[in-house]
C-alpha atoms as a PDB file:
ATOM      1  CA  UNK A   1       1.818  -3.539   7.720  1.00  0.00           C
ATOM      2  CA  UNK A   2       2.569  -7.245   8.823  1.00  0.00           C
ATOM      3  CA  UNK A   3       5.533  -8.931   9.764  1.00  0.00           C
ATOM      4  CA  UNK A   4       6.306 -11.690   7.244  1.00  0.00           C
ATOM      5  CA  UNK A   5       7.511 -14.358   9.719  1.00  0.00           C
ATOM      6  CA  UNK A   6       3.822 -14.453  11.183  1.00  0.00           C
ATOM      7  CA  UNK A   7       2.055 -15.278   7.934  1.00  0.00           C
ATOM      8  CA  UNK A   8       4.741 -17.621   6.153  1.00  0.00           C
ATOM      9  CA  UNK A   9       2.118 -20.047   5.517  1.00  0.00           C
ATOM     10  CA  UNK A  10       0.590 -17.818   2.885  1.00  0.00           C
ATOM     11  CA  UNK A  11       3.303 -19.430   0.478  1.00  0.00           C
ATOM     12  CA  UNK A  12       1.183 -21.897  -0.764  1.00  0.00           C
ATOM     13  CA  UNK A  13      -1.054 -19.404  -2.354  1.00  0.00           C
ATOM     14  CA  UNK A  14       1.569 -17.972  -4.784  1.00  0.00           C
ATOM     15  CA  UNK A  15       0.435 -20.476  -7.498  1.00  0.00           C
ATOM     16  CA  UNK A  16      -2.984 -18.683  -7.808  1.00  0.00           C
ATOM     17  CA  UNK A  17      -1.689 -15.895 -10.075  1.00  0.00           C
ATOM     18  CA  UNK A  18      -4.505 -14.689 -12.202  1.00  0.00           C
ATOM     19  CA  UNK A  19      -3.455 -12.578 -15.114  1.00  0.00           C
ATOM     20  CA  UNK A  20      -5.108  -9.331 -14.997  1.00  0.00           C
ATOM     21  CA  UNK A  21      -3.662  -7.365 -18.119  1.00  0.00           C
ATOM     22  CA  UNK A  22      -0.511  -6.961 -20.082  1.00  0.00           C
ATOM     23  CA  UNK A  23       0.608  -3.421 -21.706  1.00  0.00           C
ATOM     24  CA  UNK A  24       3.441  -1.684 -23.700  1.00  0.00           C
ATOM     25  CA  UNK A  25       5.302  -2.650 -26.717  1.00  0.00           C
ATOM     26  CA  UNK A  26       7.177  -5.464 -28.058  1.00  0.00           C
ATOM     27  CA  UNK A  27       9.762  -7.420 -26.197  1.00  0.00           C
ATOM     28  CA  UNK A  28      13.358  -6.396 -27.013  1.00  0.00           C
ATOM     29  CA  UNK A  29      12.715  -2.539 -27.785  1.00  0.00           C
ATOM     30  CA  UNK A  30      14.933  -0.180 -26.718  1.00  0.00           C
ATOM     31  CA  UNK A  31      14.548   2.050 -23.693  1.00  0.00           C
ATOM     32  CA  UNK A  32      13.504   5.780 -24.788  1.00  0.00           C
ATOM     33  CA  UNK A  33      16.959   6.896 -23.536  1.00  0.00           C
ATOM     34  CA  UNK A  34      18.607   4.885 -26.068  1.00  0.00           C
ATOM     35  CA  UNK A  35      20.028   2.308 -23.582  1.00  0.00           C
ATOM     36  CA  UNK A  36      18.987  -1.369 -24.205  1.00  0.00           C
ATOM     37  CA  UNK A  37      16.795  -2.979 -21.393  1.00  0.00           C
ATOM     38  CA  UNK A  38      18.124  -6.227 -20.019  1.00  0.00           C
ATOM     39  CA  UNK A  39      14.561  -7.294 -20.098  1.00  0.00           C
ATOM     40  CA  UNK A  40      11.629  -5.582 -21.522  1.00  0.00           C
ATOM     41  CA  UNK A  41       8.457  -7.621 -19.755  1.00  0.00           C
ATOM     42  CA  UNK A  42       7.737  -7.080 -16.259  1.00  0.00           C
ATOM     43  CA  UNK A  43       5.347  -9.160 -14.428  1.00  0.00           C
ATOM     44  CA  UNK A  44       4.284  -7.162 -11.434  1.00  0.00           C
ATOM     45  CA  UNK A  45       2.144  -8.981  -8.686  1.00  0.00           C
ATOM     46  CA  UNK A  46      -0.815  -7.015  -7.089  1.00  0.00           C
ATOM     47  CA  UNK A  47      -2.893  -7.226  -4.049  1.00  0.00           C
ATOM     48  CA  UNK A  48      -6.307  -5.432  -4.087  1.00  0.00           C
ATOM     49  CA  UNK A  49      -6.123  -4.958  -7.653  1.00  0.00           C
ATOM     50  CA  UNK A  50      -8.823  -2.106  -7.793  1.00  0.00           C
ATOM     51  CA  UNK A  51      -7.020  -0.335  -4.852  1.00  0.00           C
ATOM     52  CA  UNK A  52      -6.261   3.245  -5.050  1.00  0.00           C
ATOM     53  CA  UNK A  53      -2.518   2.346  -4.298  1.00  0.00           C
ATOM     54  CA  UNK A  54      -2.440   0.958  -7.687  1.00  0.00           C
ATOM     55  CA  UNK A  55      -3.575   3.554  -9.681  1.00  0.00           C
ATOM     56  CA  UNK A  56      -0.040   4.611 -10.856  1.00  0.00           C
ATOM     57  CA  UNK A  57       0.650   1.350 -12.613  1.00  0.00           C
ATOM     58  CA  UNK A  58      -2.652   1.638 -14.352  1.00  0.00           C
ATOM     59  CA  UNK A  59      -2.039   5.207 -15.245  1.00  0.00           C
ATOM     60  CA  UNK A  60       1.266   4.370 -16.634  1.00  0.00           C
ATOM     61  CA  UNK A  61      -0.318   1.767 -18.726  1.00  0.00           C
ATOM     62  CA  UNK A  62      -3.194   3.869 -20.210  1.00  0.00           C
ATOM     63  CA  UNK A  63      -1.160   7.008 -20.672  1.00  0.00           C
ATOM     64  CA  UNK A  64       1.640   4.978 -22.613  1.00  0.00           C
ATOM     65  CA  UNK A  65       4.397   5.627 -20.223  1.00  0.00           C
ATOM     66  CA  UNK A  66       5.420   2.082 -20.113  1.00  0.00           C
ATOM     67  CA  UNK A  67       5.522   1.897 -23.966  1.00  0.00           C
ATOM     68  CA  UNK A  68       7.668   4.888 -23.995  1.00  0.00           C
ATOM     69  CA  UNK A  69      10.114   3.386 -21.924  1.00  0.00           C
ATOM     70  CA  UNK A  70      10.051   0.143 -24.080  1.00  0.00           C
ATOM     71  CA  UNK A  71       8.367  -2.238 -21.547  1.00  0.00           C
ATOM     72  CA  UNK A  72       5.448  -4.699 -21.641  1.00  0.00           C
ATOM     73  CA  UNK A  73       4.154  -4.710 -18.112  1.00  0.00           C
ATOM     74  CA  UNK A  74       1.903  -7.360 -16.700  1.00  0.00           C
ATOM     75  CA  UNK A  75      -0.208  -7.128 -14.064  1.00  0.00           C
ATOM     76  CA  UNK A  76      -1.340 -10.367 -12.093  1.00  0.00           C
ATOM     77  CA  UNK A  77      -3.743 -10.697  -8.884  1.00  0.00           C
ATOM     78  CA  UNK A  78      -2.420 -12.216  -6.163  1.00  0.00           C
ATOM     79  CA  UNK A  79      -4.160 -13.311  -2.601  1.00  0.00           C
ATOM     80  CA  UNK A  80      -2.680 -11.076   0.135  1.00  0.00           C
ATOM     81  CA  UNK A  81       0.183  -8.784   0.583  1.00  0.00           C
ATOM     82  CA  UNK A  82       2.417 -11.659   1.932  1.00  0.00           C
ATOM     83  CA  UNK A  83       1.668 -13.700  -0.723  1.00  0.00           C
ATOM     84  CA  UNK A  84       2.940 -11.263  -3.144  1.00  0.00           C
ATOM     85  CA  UNK A  85       6.260 -11.118  -1.105  1.00  0.00           C
ATOM     86  CA  UNK A  86       6.828 -14.642  -1.401  1.00  0.00           C
ATOM     87  CA  UNK A  87       6.020 -14.584  -5.074  1.00  0.00           C
ATOM     88  CA  UNK A  88       8.871 -11.839  -5.384  1.00  0.00           C
ATOM     89  CA  UNK A  89      11.119 -13.688  -3.203  1.00  0.00           C
ATOM     90  CA  UNK A  90      10.712 -16.909  -5.468  1.00  0.00           C
ATOM     91  CA  UNK A  91      10.980 -14.930  -8.739  1.00  0.00           C
ATOM     92  CA  UNK A  92       7.215 -15.776  -9.331  1.00  0.00           C
ATOM     93  CA  UNK A  93       7.273 -12.146 -10.236  1.00  0.00           C
ATOM     94  CA  UNK A  94       9.744  -9.362 -10.799  1.00  0.00           C
ATOM     95  CA  UNK A  95       7.968  -6.593  -8.766  1.00  0.00           C
ATOM     96  CA  UNK A  96       5.025  -6.099  -6.301  1.00  0.00           C
ATOM     97  CA  UNK A  97       3.159  -2.738  -5.051  1.00  0.00           C
ATOM     98  CA  UNK A  98       3.083  -3.603  -1.384  1.00  0.00           C
ATOM     99  CA  UNK A  99       3.651  -1.926   1.746  1.00  0.00           C
ATOM    100  CA  UNK A 100       7.329  -0.629   2.610  1.00  0.00           C
ATOM    101  CA  UNK A 101       7.221  -2.834   5.835  1.00  0.00           C
ATOM    102  CA  UNK A 102       7.609  -5.972   3.954  1.00  0.00           C
ATOM    103  CA  UNK A 103      11.268  -5.265   3.111  1.00  0.00           C
ATOM    104  CA  UNK A 104      12.085  -5.165   6.959  1.00  0.00           C
ATOM    105  CA  UNK A 105       9.801  -8.462   7.628  1.00  0.00           C
ATOM    106  CA  UNK A 106      11.766 -10.114   4.622  1.00  0.00           C
ATOM    107  CA  UNK A 107      15.136  -8.951   5.894  1.00  0.00           C
ATOM    108  CA  UNK A 108      14.240 -10.674   9.228  1.00  0.00           C
ATOM    109  CA  UNK A 109      13.877 -13.886   7.103  1.00  0.00           C
ATOM    110  CA  UNK A 110      17.378 -13.437   5.681  1.00  0.00           C
ATOM    111  CA  UNK A 111      15.588 -12.247   2.255  1.00  0.00           C
ATOM    112  CA  UNK A 112      16.477  -9.184   0.364  1.00  0.00           C
ATOM    113  CA  UNK A 113      14.004  -7.098  -1.036  1.00  0.00           C
ATOM    114  CA  UNK A 114      14.150  -3.282  -1.501  1.00  0.00           C
ATOM    115  CA  UNK A 115      11.768  -0.294  -2.419  1.00  0.00           C
ATOM    116  CA  UNK A 116      12.919   1.397  -5.394  1.00  0.00           C
ATOM    117  CA  UNK A 117       9.829   3.760  -5.449  1.00  0.00           C
ATOM    118  CA  UNK A 118       7.318   5.079  -2.935  1.00  0.00           C
ATOM    119  CA  UNK A 119       3.790   5.662  -4.176  1.00  0.00           C
ATOM    120  CA  UNK A 120       1.879   6.932  -0.984  1.00  0.00           C
ATOM    121  CA  UNK A 121       3.149   8.391   2.283  1.00  0.00           C
ATOM    122  CA  UNK A 122      -0.063   7.373   4.213  1.00  0.00           C
ATOM    123  CA  UNK A 123      -2.346   4.118   4.031  1.00  0.00           C
ATOM    124  CA  UNK A 124      -6.224   4.326   2.928  1.00  0.00           C
ATOM    125  CA  UNK A 125      -7.993   3.818   5.944  1.00  0.00           C
ATOM    126  CA  UNK A 126      -9.174   5.665   9.136  1.00  0.00           C
ATOM    127  CA  UNK A 127     -10.004   5.116  12.756  1.00  0.00           C
ATOM    128  CA  UNK A 128     -13.605   5.742  13.074  1.00  0.00           C
ATOM    129  CA  UNK A 129     -16.221   5.679  15.756  1.00  0.00           C
ATOM    130  CA  UNK A 130     -19.786   4.551  14.981  1.00  0.00           C
ATOM    131  CA  UNK A 131     -23.201   5.873  16.329  1.00  0.00           C
ATOM    132  CA  UNK A 132     -22.587   3.982  19.654  1.00  0.00           C
ATOM    133  CA  UNK A 133     -19.607   6.448  20.581  1.00  0.00           C
ATOM    134  CA  UNK A 134     -19.958   9.121  18.384  1.00  0.00           C
ATOM    135  CA  UNK A 135     -17.913  11.899  20.518  1.00  0.00           C
ATOM    136  CA  UNK A 136     -15.415   9.391  22.073  1.00  0.00           C
ATOM    137  CA  UNK A 137     -11.695  10.019  22.188  1.00  0.00           C
ATOM    138  CA  UNK A 138      -8.723   7.157  21.947  1.00  0.00           C
ATOM    139  CA  UNK A 139      -8.887   6.950  25.598  1.00  0.00           C
ATOM    140  CA  UNK A 140     -12.962   6.221  25.796  1.00  0.00           C
ATOM    141  CA  UNK A 141     -11.941   3.119  23.292  1.00  0.00           C
ATOM    142  CA  UNK A 142     -10.842   0.879  26.219  1.00  0.00           C
ATOM    143  CA  UNK A 143     -12.765  -2.174  26.600  1.00  0.00           C
ATOM    144  CA  UNK A 144     -14.970  -1.228  23.797  1.00  0.00           C
ATOM    145  CA  UNK A 145     -15.385  -3.053  20.670  1.00  0.00           C
ATOM    146  CA  UNK A 146     -12.988  -2.199  18.031  1.00  0.00           C
ATOM    147  CA  UNK A 147     -13.303  -3.561  14.217  1.00  0.00           C
ATOM    148  CA  UNK A 148     -10.451  -4.849  12.425  1.00  0.00           C
ATOM    149  CA  UNK A 149     -10.040  -6.501   9.044  1.00  0.00           C
ATOM    150  CA  UNK A 150      -8.626  -9.375  10.810  1.00  0.00           C
ATOM    151  CA  UNK A 151      -6.912 -10.665  13.872  1.00  0.00           C
ATOM    152  CA  UNK A 152      -3.114 -10.221  13.718  1.00  0.00           C
ATOM    153  CA  UNK A 153      -3.039  -8.219  10.826  1.00  0.00           C
ATOM    154  CA  UNK A 154      -1.715  -4.669   9.794  1.00  0.00           C
ATOM    155  CA  UNK A 155      -5.200  -3.183  11.109  1.00  0.00           C
ATOM    156  CA  UNK A 156      -4.514  -4.765  14.423  1.00  0.00           C
ATOM    157  CA  UNK A 157      -0.961  -3.334  14.483  1.00  0.00           C
ATOM    158  CA  UNK A 158      -2.466   0.091  14.048  1.00  0.00           C
ATOM    159  CA  UNK A 159      -4.473  -0.384  16.871  1.00  0.00           C
ATOM    160  CA  UNK A 160      -1.811  -1.544  19.246  1.00  0.00           C
ATOM    161  CA  UNK A 161       0.380   1.438  18.014  1.00  0.00           C
ATOM    162  CA  UNK A 162      -2.355   4.041  18.529  1.00  0.00           C
ATOM    163  CA  UNK A 163      -3.146   2.572  21.955  1.00  0.00           C
ATOM    164  CA  UNK A 164       0.380   2.210  23.153  1.00  0.00           C
ATOM    165  CA  UNK A 165       1.335   5.818  22.098  1.00  0.00           C
ATOM    166  CA  UNK A 166      -1.686   7.289  23.902  1.00  0.00           C
ATOM    167  CA  UNK A 167      -0.390   5.415  27.138  1.00  0.00           C
ATOM    168  CA  UNK A 168      -3.169   2.902  26.889  1.00  0.00           C
ATOM    169  CA  UNK A 169      -2.678  -0.973  27.180  1.00  0.00           C
ATOM    170  CA  UNK A 170      -3.339  -2.453  23.819  1.00  0.00           C
ATOM    171  CA  UNK A 171      -4.891  -5.764  25.891  1.00  0.00           C
ATOM    172  CA  UNK A 172      -7.450  -3.430  26.789  1.00  0.00           C
ATOM    173  CA  UNK A 173      -8.720  -2.994  23.197  1.00  0.00           C
ATOM    174  CA  UNK A 174     -11.563  -5.452  22.572  1.00  0.00           C
ATOM    175  CA  UNK A 175     -10.862  -6.370  18.606  1.00  0.00           C
ATOM    176  CA  UNK A 176     -13.342  -7.831  16.389  1.00  0.00           C
ATOM    177  CA  UNK A 177     -12.410  -9.330  12.916  1.00  0.00           C
ATOM    178  CA  UNK A 178     -14.971  -7.978  10.519  1.00  0.00           C
ATOM    179  CA  UNK A 179     -13.163  -8.265   7.102  1.00  0.00           C
ATOM    180  CA  UNK A 180     -13.334  -5.567   4.416  1.00  0.00           C
ATOM    181  CA  UNK A 181     -15.762  -4.494   1.726  1.00  0.00           C
ATOM    182  CA  UNK A 182     -19.548  -5.514   2.382  1.00  0.00           C
ATOM    183  CA  UNK A 183     -18.663  -7.335   5.462  1.00  0.00           C
ATOM    184  CA  UNK A 184     -17.271  -4.411   7.174  1.00  0.00           C
ATOM    185  CA  UNK A 185     -20.166  -2.023   6.096  1.00  0.00           C
ATOM    186  CA  UNK A 186     -22.719  -4.918   7.487  1.00  0.00           C
ATOM    187  CA  UNK A 187     -20.659  -4.896  10.656  1.00  0.00           C
ATOM    188  CA  UNK A 188     -21.157  -1.177  10.791  1.00  0.00           C
ATOM    189  CA  UNK A 189     -25.014  -1.273  10.327  1.00  0.00           C
ATOM    190  CA  UNK A 190     -25.207  -4.069  12.599  1.00  0.00           C
ATOM    191  CA  UNK A 191     -24.602  -1.486  15.804  1.00  0.00           C
ATOM    192  CA  UNK A 192     -22.297  -3.755  17.659  1.00  0.00           C
ATOM    193  CA  UNK A 193     -19.141  -1.741  17.443  1.00  0.00           C
ATOM    194  CA  UNK A 194     -17.888   1.075  18.880  1.00  0.00           C
ATOM    195  CA  UNK A 195     -15.082   2.161  16.703  1.00  0.00           C
ATOM    196  CA  UNK A 196     -13.230   0.247  13.940  1.00  0.00           C
ATOM    197  CA  UNK A 197     -10.316   0.616  11.298  1.00  0.00           C
ATOM    198  CA  UNK A 198     -12.407   1.438   8.227  1.00  0.00           C
ATOM    199  CA  UNK A 199     -11.060   0.597   4.725  1.00  0.00           C
ATOM    200  CA  UNK A 200     -11.986   1.924   1.306  1.00  0.00           C
ATOM    201  CA  UNK A 201     -14.992   1.649   0.112  1.00  0.00           C
ATOM    202  CA  UNK A 202     -16.628   1.527   3.290  1.00  0.00           C
ATOM    203  CA  UNK A 203     -14.817   4.301   4.835  1.00  0.00           C
ATOM    204  CA  UNK A 204     -16.082   6.770   2.380  1.00  0.00           C
ATOM    205  CA  UNK A 205     -19.698   5.349   1.839  1.00  0.00           C
ATOM    206  CA  UNK A 206     -20.111   5.364   5.744  1.00  0.00           C
ATOM    207  CA  UNK A 207     -18.917   8.656   6.301  1.00  0.00           C
ATOM    208  CA  UNK A 208     -21.181   9.852   3.608  1.00  0.00           C
ATOM    209  CA  UNK A 209     -24.133   8.157   5.229  1.00  0.00           C
ATOM    210  CA  UNK A 210     -23.048   9.404   8.695  1.00  0.00           C
ATOM    211  CA  UNK A 211     -22.708   6.216  10.036  1.00  0.00           C
ATOM    212  CA  UNK A 212     -19.073   6.920  11.615  1.00  0.00           C
ATOM    213  CA  UNK A 213     -17.316   9.757  12.294  1.00  0.00           C
ATOM    214  CA  UNK A 214     -13.344   9.974  11.851  1.00  0.00           C
ATOM    215  CA  UNK A 215     -11.332   9.757  15.156  1.00  0.00           C
ATOM    216  CA  UNK A 216      -7.609   9.031  13.592  1.00  0.00           C
ATOM    217  CA  UNK A 217      -7.622   9.750   9.795  1.00  0.00           C
ATOM    218  CA  UNK A 218      -4.455   7.776   8.686  1.00  0.00           C
ATOM    219  CA  UNK A 219      -5.384   8.893   4.937  1.00  0.00           C
ATOM    220  CA  UNK A 220      -3.778  12.321   5.944  1.00  0.00           C
ATOM    221  CA  UNK A 221       0.106  12.590   5.575  1.00  0.00           C
ATOM    222  CA  UNK A 222      -0.057  15.250   8.433  1.00  0.00           C
ATOM    223  CA  UNK A 223      -1.755  12.671  10.638  1.00  0.00           C
ATOM    224  CA  UNK A 224       1.139  10.265   9.941  1.00  0.00           C
ATOM    225  CA  UNK A 225       3.887  12.973  10.521  1.00  0.00           C
ATOM    226  CA  UNK A 226       2.344  13.360  13.760  1.00  0.00           C
ATOM    227  CA  UNK A 227       2.060  10.023  14.850  1.00  0.00           C
ATOM    228  CA  UNK A 228       5.415   8.718  13.376  1.00  0.00           C
ATOM    229  CA  UNK A 229       7.618  11.900  13.859  1.00  0.00           C
ATOM    230  CA  UNK A 230       7.888  12.565  10.232  1.00  0.00           C
ATOM    231  CA  UNK A 231       6.704  11.373   6.900  1.00  0.00           C
ATOM    232  CA  UNK A 232       7.130   7.724   6.421  1.00  0.00           C
ATOM    233  CA  UNK A 233       6.754   5.393   3.230  1.00  0.00           C
ATOM    234  CA  UNK A 234       3.953   3.272   2.894  1.00  0.00           C
ATOM    235  CA  UNK A 235       2.521   2.004  -0.589  1.00  0.00           C
ATOM    236  CA  UNK A 236       5.740   1.068  -2.532  1.00  0.00           C
ATOM    237  CA  UNK A 237       7.137  -0.694  -5.594  1.00  0.00           C
ATOM    238  CA  UNK A 238       9.265  -3.500  -4.077  1.00  0.00           C
ATOM    239  CA  UNK A 239      11.617  -5.691  -6.034  1.00  0.00           C
ATOM    240  CA  UNK A 240      14.594  -8.090  -4.908  1.00  0.00           C
ATOM    241  CA  UNK A 241      17.936  -6.449  -4.788  1.00  0.00           C
ATOM    242  CA  UNK A 242      19.028  -9.113  -7.509  1.00  0.00           C
ATOM    243  CA  UNK A 243      16.696  -7.571  -9.944  1.00  0.00           C
ATOM    244  CA  UNK A 244      18.219  -4.314  -9.800  1.00  0.00           C
ATOM    245  CA  UNK A 245      22.059  -5.493  -9.727  1.00  0.00           C
ATOM    246  CA  UNK A 246      20.693  -7.859 -12.786  1.00  0.00           C
ATOM    247  CA  UNK A 247      18.484  -5.376 -14.728  1.00  0.00           C
ATOM    248  CA  UNK A 248      19.364  -1.606 -13.913  1.00  0.00           C
ATOM    249  CA  UNK A 249      18.232  -0.124 -16.734  1.00  0.00           C
ATOM    250  CA  UNK A 250      14.860  -2.125 -16.765  1.00  0.00           C
ATOM    251  CA  UNK A 251      14.263  -0.952 -13.297  1.00  0.00           C
ATOM    252  CA  UNK A 252      14.790   2.681 -14.383  1.00  0.00           C
ATOM    253  CA  UNK A 253      12.566   2.459 -17.131  1.00  0.00           C
ATOM    254  CA  UNK A 254       9.827   0.906 -14.508  1.00  0.00           C
ATOM    255  CA  UNK A 255      10.592   3.707 -12.294  1.00  0.00           C
ATOM    256  CA  UNK A 256      10.668   6.473 -14.899  1.00  0.00           C
ATOM    257  CA  UNK A 257       7.228   5.696 -15.984  1.00  0.00           C
ATOM    258  CA  UNK A 258       5.418   5.213 -12.950  1.00  0.00           C
ATOM    259  CA  UNK A 259       6.932   8.590 -11.711  1.00  0.00           C
ATOM    260  CA  UNK A 260       5.481  10.457 -14.725  1.00  0.00           C
ATOM    261  CA  UNK A 261       2.247   8.742 -13.564  1.00  0.00           C
ATOM    262  CA  UNK A 262       2.689  10.266 -10.157  1.00  0.00           C
ATOM    263  CA  UNK A 263       3.281  13.721 -11.552  1.00  0.00           C
ATOM    264  CA  UNK A 264      -0.172  13.288 -13.475  1.00  0.00           C
ATOM    265  CA  UNK A 265      -1.819  12.499 -10.512  1.00  0.00           C
ATOM    266  CA  UNK A 266      -0.766  15.591  -8.747  1.00  0.00           C
ATOM    267  CA  UNK A 267      -1.497  17.735 -11.675  1.00  0.00           C
ATOM    268  CA  UNK A 268      -5.019  16.599 -12.719  1.00  0.00           C
ATOM    269  CA  UNK A 269      -8.152  16.194 -11.010  1.00  0.00           C
ATOM    270  CA  UNK A 270      -9.534  12.753  -9.748  1.00  0.00           C
ATOM    271  CA  UNK A 271     -12.097  13.052 -12.518  1.00  0.00           C
ATOM    272  CA  UNK A 272      -9.502  13.451 -15.304  1.00  0.00           C
ATOM    273  CA  UNK A 273      -7.330  10.407 -13.593  1.00  0.00           C
ATOM    274  CA  UNK A 274     -10.350   8.224 -13.687  1.00  0.00           C
ATOM    275  CA  UNK A 275     -10.977   9.195 -17.435  1.00  0.00           C
ATOM    276  CA  UNK A 276      -7.636   6.949 -17.916  1.00  0.00           C
ATOM    277  CA  UNK A 277      -8.368   4.066 -15.738  1.00  0.00           C
ATOM    278  CA  UNK A 278     -10.262   0.706 -16.669  1.00  0.00           C
ATOM    279  CA  UNK A 279     -13.719   0.995 -15.005  1.00  0.00           C
ATOM    280  CA  UNK A 280     -13.983  -2.935 -14.723  1.00  0.00           C
ATOM    281  CA  UNK A 281     -11.008  -2.699 -12.401  1.00  0.00           C
ATOM    282  CA  UNK A 282     -11.437   0.689 -10.176  1.00  0.00           C
ATOM    283  CA  UNK A 283     -15.245   1.122 -10.206  1.00  0.00           C
ATOM    284  CA  UNK A 284     -16.773  -2.259 -11.555  1.00  0.00           C
ATOM    285  CA  UNK A 285     -20.362  -1.381  -9.982  1.00  0.00           C
ATOM    286  CA  UNK A 286     -20.300   1.556 -12.187  1.00  0.00           C
ATOM    287  CA  UNK A 287     -20.258   4.210  -9.238  1.00  0.00           C
ATOM    288  CA  UNK A 288     -17.463   6.207 -10.638  1.00  0.00           C
ATOM    289  CA  UNK A 289     -18.546   9.108  -8.252  1.00  0.00           C
ATOM    290  CA  UNK A 290     -17.630   7.101  -5.296  1.00  0.00           C
ATOM    291  CA  UNK A 291     -14.121   6.098  -6.933  1.00  0.00           C
ATOM    292  CA  UNK A 292     -13.492   9.638  -7.696  1.00  0.00           C
ATOM    293  CA  UNK A 293     -14.503  10.729  -4.049  1.00  0.00           C
ATOM    294  CA  UNK A 294     -12.241   7.935  -2.781  1.00  0.00           C
ATOM    295  CA  UNK A 295      -9.496   9.028  -5.177  1.00  0.00           C
ATOM    296  CA  UNK A 296      -9.662  12.797  -3.858  1.00  0.00           C
ATOM    297  CA  UNK A 297      -9.352  11.732  -0.261  1.00  0.00           C
ATOM    298  CA  UNK A 298      -6.123   9.665  -1.291  1.00  0.00           C
ATOM    299  CA  UNK A 299      -4.439  11.715  -3.350  1.00  0.00           C
ATOM    300  CA  UNK A 300      -2.980  14.170  -1.184  1.00  0.00           C
ATOM    301  CA  UNK A 301      -1.020  10.981   0.130  1.00  0.00           C
ATOM    302  CA  UNK A 302       0.507  10.006  -3.223  1.00  0.00           C
ATOM    303  CA  UNK A 303       4.127  10.769  -3.647  1.00  0.00           C
ATOM    304  CA  UNK A 304       4.824  13.600  -6.119  1.00  0.00           C
ATOM    305  CA  UNK A 305       8.258  11.832  -7.391  1.00  0.00           C
ATOM    306  CA  UNK A 306       8.497   8.403  -5.827  1.00  0.00           C
ATOM    307  CA  UNK A 307      10.860   9.609  -3.594  1.00  0.00           C
ATOM    308  CA  UNK A 308      12.016   7.951  -0.145  1.00  0.00           C
ATOM    309  CA  UNK A 309      11.139  10.193   2.812  1.00  0.00           C
ATOM    310  CA  UNK A 310      14.237  11.117   4.636  1.00  0.00           C
ATOM    311  CA  UNK A 311      14.298   9.058   7.985  1.00  0.00           C
ATOM    312  CA  UNK A 312      11.310   7.392   6.620  1.00  0.00           C
ATOM    313  CA  UNK A 313      12.558   3.901   7.102  1.00  0.00           C
ATOM    314  CA  UNK A 314      13.557   4.168  10.570  1.00  0.00           C
ATOM    315  CA  UNK A 315      10.202   5.625  11.471  1.00  0.00           C
ATOM    316  CA  UNK A 316       8.701   2.392   9.988  1.00  0.00           C
ATOM    317  CA  UNK A 317      11.071   0.592  12.230  1.00  0.00           C
ATOM    318  CA  UNK A 318      10.332   2.212  15.366  1.00  0.00           C
ATOM    319  CA  UNK A 319       6.649   1.795  14.413  1.00  0.00           C
ATOM    320  CA  UNK A 320       7.262  -2.269  14.432  1.00  0.00           C
ATOM    321  CA  UNK A 321       9.060  -1.931  17.792  1.00  0.00           C
ATOM    322  CA  UNK A 322       5.655  -0.632  19.131  1.00  0.00           C
ATOM    323  CA  UNK A 323       3.446  -2.894  17.133  1.00  0.00           C
ATOM    324  CA  UNK A 324       5.437  -5.843  17.858  1.00  0.00           C
ATOM    325  CA  UNK A 325       7.226  -5.358  21.204  1.00  0.00           C
ATOM    326  CA  UNK A 326       8.174  -9.203  21.206  1.00  0.00           C
ATOM    327  CA  UNK A 327       9.560  -9.149  17.744  1.00  0.00           C
ATOM    328  CA  UNK A 328      13.892  -8.736  17.681  1.00  0.00           C
ATOM    329  CA  UNK A 329      14.440  -5.971  15.651  1.00  0.00           C
ATOM    330  CA  UNK A 330      17.993  -5.174  16.429  1.00  0.00           C
ATOM    331  CA  UNK A 331      20.676  -5.176  13.966  1.00  0.00           C
ATOM    332  CA  UNK A 332      18.461  -4.183  10.732  1.00  0.00           C
ATOM    333  CA  UNK A 333      20.243  -3.105   8.062  1.00  0.00           C
ATOM    334  CA  UNK A 334      17.630  -0.207   6.858  1.00  0.00           C
ATOM    335  CA  UNK A 335      19.970   0.894   4.002  1.00  0.00           C
ATOM    336  CA  UNK A 336      19.413  -2.167   2.103  1.00  0.00           C
ATOM    337  CA  UNK A 337      15.680  -1.948   2.304  1.00  0.00           C
ATOM    338  CA  UNK A 338      15.464   0.823  -0.355  1.00  0.00           C
ATOM    339  CA  UNK A 339      17.375   2.171  -3.134  1.00  0.00           C
ATOM    340  CA  UNK A 340      16.675   6.069  -4.140  1.00  0.00           C
ATOM    341  CA  UNK A 341      19.083   6.130  -7.366  1.00  0.00           C
ATOM    342  CA  UNK A 342      15.831   5.259  -9.668  1.00  0.00           C
ATOM    343  CA  UNK A 343      13.838   8.019  -8.719  1.00  0.00           C
ATOM    344  CA  UNK A 344      16.537  10.428  -8.400  1.00  0.00           C
ATOM    345  CA  UNK A 345      17.509   9.599 -11.994  1.00  0.00           C
ATOM    346  CA  UNK A 346      13.587   9.818 -12.813  1.00  0.00           C
ATOM    347  CA  UNK A 347      13.254  13.356 -12.131  1.00  0.00           C
END
């Protein structure tokens, strides 16, 4: 959850798009509802290709839901969330799965993108304590070493928010950039951290090994509800507002297919979901059991129907005001950052 204006330099990386997969049926096919598609091939930019948050897209592929809607969907790997947003703004891709908060950041830059579907109501990480500080509360973390993925990134925003809402000075948090994946795991085992925002798969593996204990589990929508005062949108399907105006039937087909995938996730076990996902993307190491465990922890955060929670956009804006007190957030048109018509029709 990072404000676009503070990472504008990432635009240079847009050219590093690598094709991951192409699915669906041939171009020009009519939608299943009998209405013609304005375009039948969709390019979607992804960050963290094997992230749990991208499961609905791959599931819609493997179960044939895109094909049912007459769509061919190309999934492309991009270097970072902001890069994906810039690719969307410059029409390098038609859509991206990304954090809803980017719609607000883009508006601050005079750009217009919107969420047409919400995949999850919680992020896929947690604030945990290490053995150095087992039993600590948030108030005990002042002047302690707290690991974040990167300084100035979304995980730092969460620490700022948690400290501020617990009446602590965010400047009292001694933040250490530890990266993600194996780098993060090594930082935990190195014994120099008191706490960290753990991301997957480090979160699940270190919990299983007893190396960390959860302090604030952001994966739980109930925790988000308590922190933010109600449900909030996180991982979403984002497009430019011009895309929905020019391609309403195509946008509807895309949403209808992925809403079906969200239903499937709610109605099936993690093992059954894993049966329909490419192993080389989601568990390339061959550790399917770990993937299923991660999916089980995250599945309760998935939306059942892709809808935007009532009041969710305002809660994210309020979060930004706390996480970035120096940012000017007056005059936001939150209604322009999302469109609920497509998920409503998908129902």
